[in-house]
Amino acid sequence: MRGLNEDELLDFVALTEGLPLDLRFIEYTPFDGNKWNFKKMVSYKKMLETVRQQWPELEKLPEEESRTAKVFKNPGFQGQISFIMSMSEHFCGTCNRL
């Protein structure tokens, strides 16, 4: 969320260098009671841009039609990162999860 934790993004991505993690970043999404405000949302594209400034060699992994996230990996890193674009790029039409 903008103004709350977007400054932690790169620290989390750095964890994937030495740990076999699958980190998922989820866009801030409106739910009852969370006081959602569009201005607080950090979009997938903005997060990806921030990560690529630090790690320009970040590679996008192939995606399946029903995938709910876009997955990326830094060469030589043990883990990977993915983004769930609940607001900026809706995936509901292809999701096969219950």
C-alpha atoms as a PDB file:
ATOM      1  CA  MET A   1       0.000   0.000   0.000  1.00  0.00           C
ATOM      2  CA  ARG A   2       1.223   3.436  -0.898  1.00  0.00           C
ATOM      3  CA  GLY A   3       2.317   5.275   2.213  1.00  0.00           C
ATOM      4  CA  LEU A   4       2.394   2.122   4.328  1.00  0.00           C
ATOM      5  CA  ASN A   5       4.719  -0.566   3.012  1.00  0.00           C
ATOM      6  CA  GLU A   6       5.724   0.033  -0.616  1.00  0.00           C
ATOM      7  CA  ASP A   7       9.249   0.844   0.594  1.00  0.00           C
ATOM      8  CA  GLU A   8       9.644  -2.824   1.651  1.00  0.00           C
ATOM      9  CA  LEU A   9       9.227  -4.212  -1.879  1.00  0.00           C
ATOM     10  CA  LEU A  10      12.930  -4.472  -2.740  1.00  0.00           C
ATOM     11  CA  ASP A  11      13.804  -5.963   0.642  1.00  0.00           C
ATOM     12  CA  PHE A  12      11.315  -8.766   0.044  1.00  0.00           C
ATOM     13  CA  VAL A  13      12.577  -9.410  -3.487  1.00  0.00           C
ATOM     14  CA  ALA A  14      16.147  -9.589  -2.144  1.00  0.00           C
ATOM     15  CA  LEU A  15      15.088 -12.525   0.039  1.00  0.00           C
ATOM     16  CA  THR A  16      14.587 -14.633  -3.084  1.00  0.00           C
ATOM     17  CA  GLU A  17      18.306 -14.514  -3.827  1.00  0.00           C
ATOM     18  CA  GLY A  18      19.206 -16.935  -1.055  1.00  0.00           C
ATOM     19  CA  LEU A  19      15.877 -18.578  -0.268  1.00  0.00           C
ATOM     20  CA  PRO A  20      13.638 -20.749  -2.496  1.00  0.00           C
ATOM     21  CA  LEU A  21      10.581 -18.546  -1.923  1.00  0.00           C
ATOM     22  CA  ASP A  22       7.633 -17.781  -4.158  1.00  0.00           C
ATOM     23  CA  LEU A  23       6.794 -14.246  -3.063  1.00  0.00           C
ATOM     24  CA  ARG A  24       3.426 -12.918  -4.161  1.00  0.00           C
ATOM     25  CA  PHE A  25       2.641  -9.248  -4.211  1.00  0.00           C
ATOM     26  CA  ILE A  26      -1.079  -8.514  -4.298  1.00  0.00           C
ATOM     27  CA  GLU A  27      -2.442  -5.159  -5.373  1.00  0.00           C
ATOM     28  CA  TYR A  28      -4.415  -3.415  -2.641  1.00  0.00           C
ATOM     29  CA  THR A  29      -8.001  -4.543  -3.174  1.00  0.00           C
ATOM     30  CA  PRO A  30     -11.285  -3.156  -1.844  1.00  0.00           C
ATOM     31  CA  PHE A  31     -12.965  -5.224   0.860  1.00  0.00           C
ATOM     32  CA  ASP A  32     -15.583  -4.308   3.417  1.00  0.00           C
ATOM     33  CA  GLY A  33     -13.926  -2.536   6.289  1.00  0.00           C
ATOM     34  CA  ASN A  34     -10.454  -1.937   4.828  1.00  0.00           C
ATOM     35  CA  LYS A  35     -11.107   1.733   4.028  1.00  0.00           C
ATOM     36  CA  TRP A  36      -9.984   1.190   0.432  1.00  0.00           C
ATOM     37  CA  ASN A  37      -8.790   4.229  -1.458  1.00  0.00           C
ATOM     38  CA  PHE A  38      -7.490   4.126  -5.049  1.00  0.00           C
ATOM     39  CA  LYS A  39      -4.692   6.533  -4.091  1.00  0.00           C
ATOM     40  CA  LYS A  40      -3.269   3.894  -1.721  1.00  0.00           C
ATOM     41  CA  MET A  41      -2.923   1.253  -4.440  1.00  0.00           C
ATOM     42  CA  VAL A  42       0.515   0.539  -5.911  1.00  0.00           C
ATOM     43  CA  SER A  43      -0.113  -1.052  -9.298  1.00  0.00           C
ATOM     44  CA  TYR A  44       1.592  -4.155 -10.634  1.00  0.00           C
ATOM     45  CA  LYS A  45       3.290  -2.044 -13.307  1.00  0.00           C
ATOM     46  CA  LYS A  46       4.698   0.353 -10.712  1.00  0.00           C
ATOM     47  CA  MET A  47       5.941  -2.505  -8.518  1.00  0.00           C
ATOM     48  CA  LEU A  48       7.538  -4.215 -11.535  1.00  0.00           C
ATOM     49  CA  GLU A  49       9.190  -0.963 -12.603  1.00  0.00           C
ATOM     50  CA  THR A  50      10.643  -0.540  -9.109  1.00  0.00           C
ATOM     51  CA  VAL A  51      12.013  -4.084  -9.065  1.00  0.00           C
ATOM     52  CA  ARG A  52      13.483  -3.768 -12.567  1.00  0.00           C
ATOM     53  CA  GLN A  53      15.341  -0.600 -11.558  1.00  0.00           C
ATOM     54  CA  GLN A  54      17.240  -2.716  -9.018  1.00  0.00           C
ATOM     55  CA  TRP A  55      17.361  -5.943 -11.056  1.00  0.00           C
ATOM     56  CA  PRO A  56      17.051  -5.141 -14.790  1.00  0.00           C
ATOM     57  CA  GLU A  57      17.760  -8.770 -15.716  1.00  0.00           C
ATOM     58  CA  LEU A  58      14.458  -9.924 -14.128  1.00  0.00           C
ATOM     59  CA  GLU A  59      12.859 -12.510 -16.437  1.00  0.00           C
ATOM     60  CA  LYS A  60       9.160 -13.159 -16.942  1.00  0.00           C
ATOM     61  CA  LEU A  61       8.328 -16.851 -16.738  1.00  0.00           C
ATOM     62  CA  PRO A  62       5.824 -18.470 -19.127  1.00  0.00           C
ATOM     63  CA  GLU A  63       2.254 -18.250 -17.957  1.00  0.00           C
ATOM     64  CA  GLU A  64      -0.700 -20.560 -18.283  1.00  0.00           C
ATOM     65  CA  GLU A  65      -4.081 -19.207 -19.300  1.00  0.00           C
ATOM     66  CA  SER A  66      -5.637 -19.919 -15.886  1.00  0.00           C
ATOM     67  CA  ARG A  67      -2.786 -18.402 -13.894  1.00  0.00           C
ATOM     68  CA  THR A  68      -3.808 -15.697 -11.417  1.00  0.00           C
ATOM     69  CA  ALA A  69      -0.344 -14.151 -11.187  1.00  0.00           C
ATOM     70  CA  LYS A  70       2.488 -13.000 -13.424  1.00  0.00           C
ATOM     71  CA  VAL A  71       5.681 -14.749 -12.331  1.00  0.00           C
ATOM     72  CA  PHE A  72       9.259 -13.438 -12.598  1.00  0.00           C
ATOM     73  CA  LYS A  73      12.691 -14.725 -11.638  1.00  0.00           C
ATOM     74  CA  ASN A  74      16.084 -13.129 -11.282  1.00  0.00           C
ATOM     75  CA  PRO A  75      18.793 -15.268 -12.912  1.00  0.00           C
ATOM     76  CA  GLY A  76      20.820 -16.995 -10.203  1.00  0.00           C
ATOM     77  CA  PHE A  77      18.227 -16.393  -7.485  1.00  0.00           C
ATOM     78  CA  GLN A  78      16.752 -19.390  -5.671  1.00  0.00           C
ATOM     79  CA  GLY A  79      13.229 -18.014  -5.430  1.00  0.00           C
ATOM     80  CA  GLN A  80      10.834 -16.121  -7.633  1.00  0.00           C
ATOM     81  CA  ILE A  81       8.331 -13.295  -7.341  1.00  0.00           C
ATOM     82  CA  SER A  82       4.844 -12.962  -8.669  1.00  0.00           C
ATOM     83  CA  PHE A  83       2.207 -10.271  -8.882  1.00  0.00           C
ATOM     84  CA  ILE A  84      -1.532 -10.652  -8.481  1.00  0.00           C
ATOM     85  CA  MET A  85      -3.197  -7.806 -10.360  1.00  0.00           C
ATOM     86  CA  SER A  86      -6.605  -7.798  -8.726  1.00  0.00           C
ATOM     87  CA  MET A  87      -7.274  -4.205  -9.733  1.00  0.00           C
ATOM     88  CA  SER A  88      -5.130  -3.177 -12.714  1.00  0.00           C
ATOM     89  CA  GLU A  89      -5.416  -6.331 -14.862  1.00  0.00           C
ATOM     90  CA  HIS A  90      -8.441  -8.415 -13.965  1.00  0.00           C
ATOM     91  CA  PHE A  91      -7.940 -12.167 -14.293  1.00  0.00           C
ATOM     92  CA  CYS A  92     -11.333 -13.436 -13.120  1.00  0.00           C
ATOM     93  CA  GLY A  93     -12.385 -14.577 -16.591  1.00  0.00           C
ATOM     94  CA  THR A  94      -9.530 -17.093 -16.853  1.00  0.00           C
ATOM     95  CA  CYS A  95      -9.155 -18.138 -13.193  1.00  0.00           C
ATOM     96  CA  ASN A  96      -9.914 -21.791 -12.444  1.00  0.00           C
ATOM     97  CA  ARG A  97      -9.635 -21.606  -8.654  1.00  0.00           C
ATOM     98  CA  LEU A  98     -12.495 -22.129  -6.230  1.00  0.00           C
END
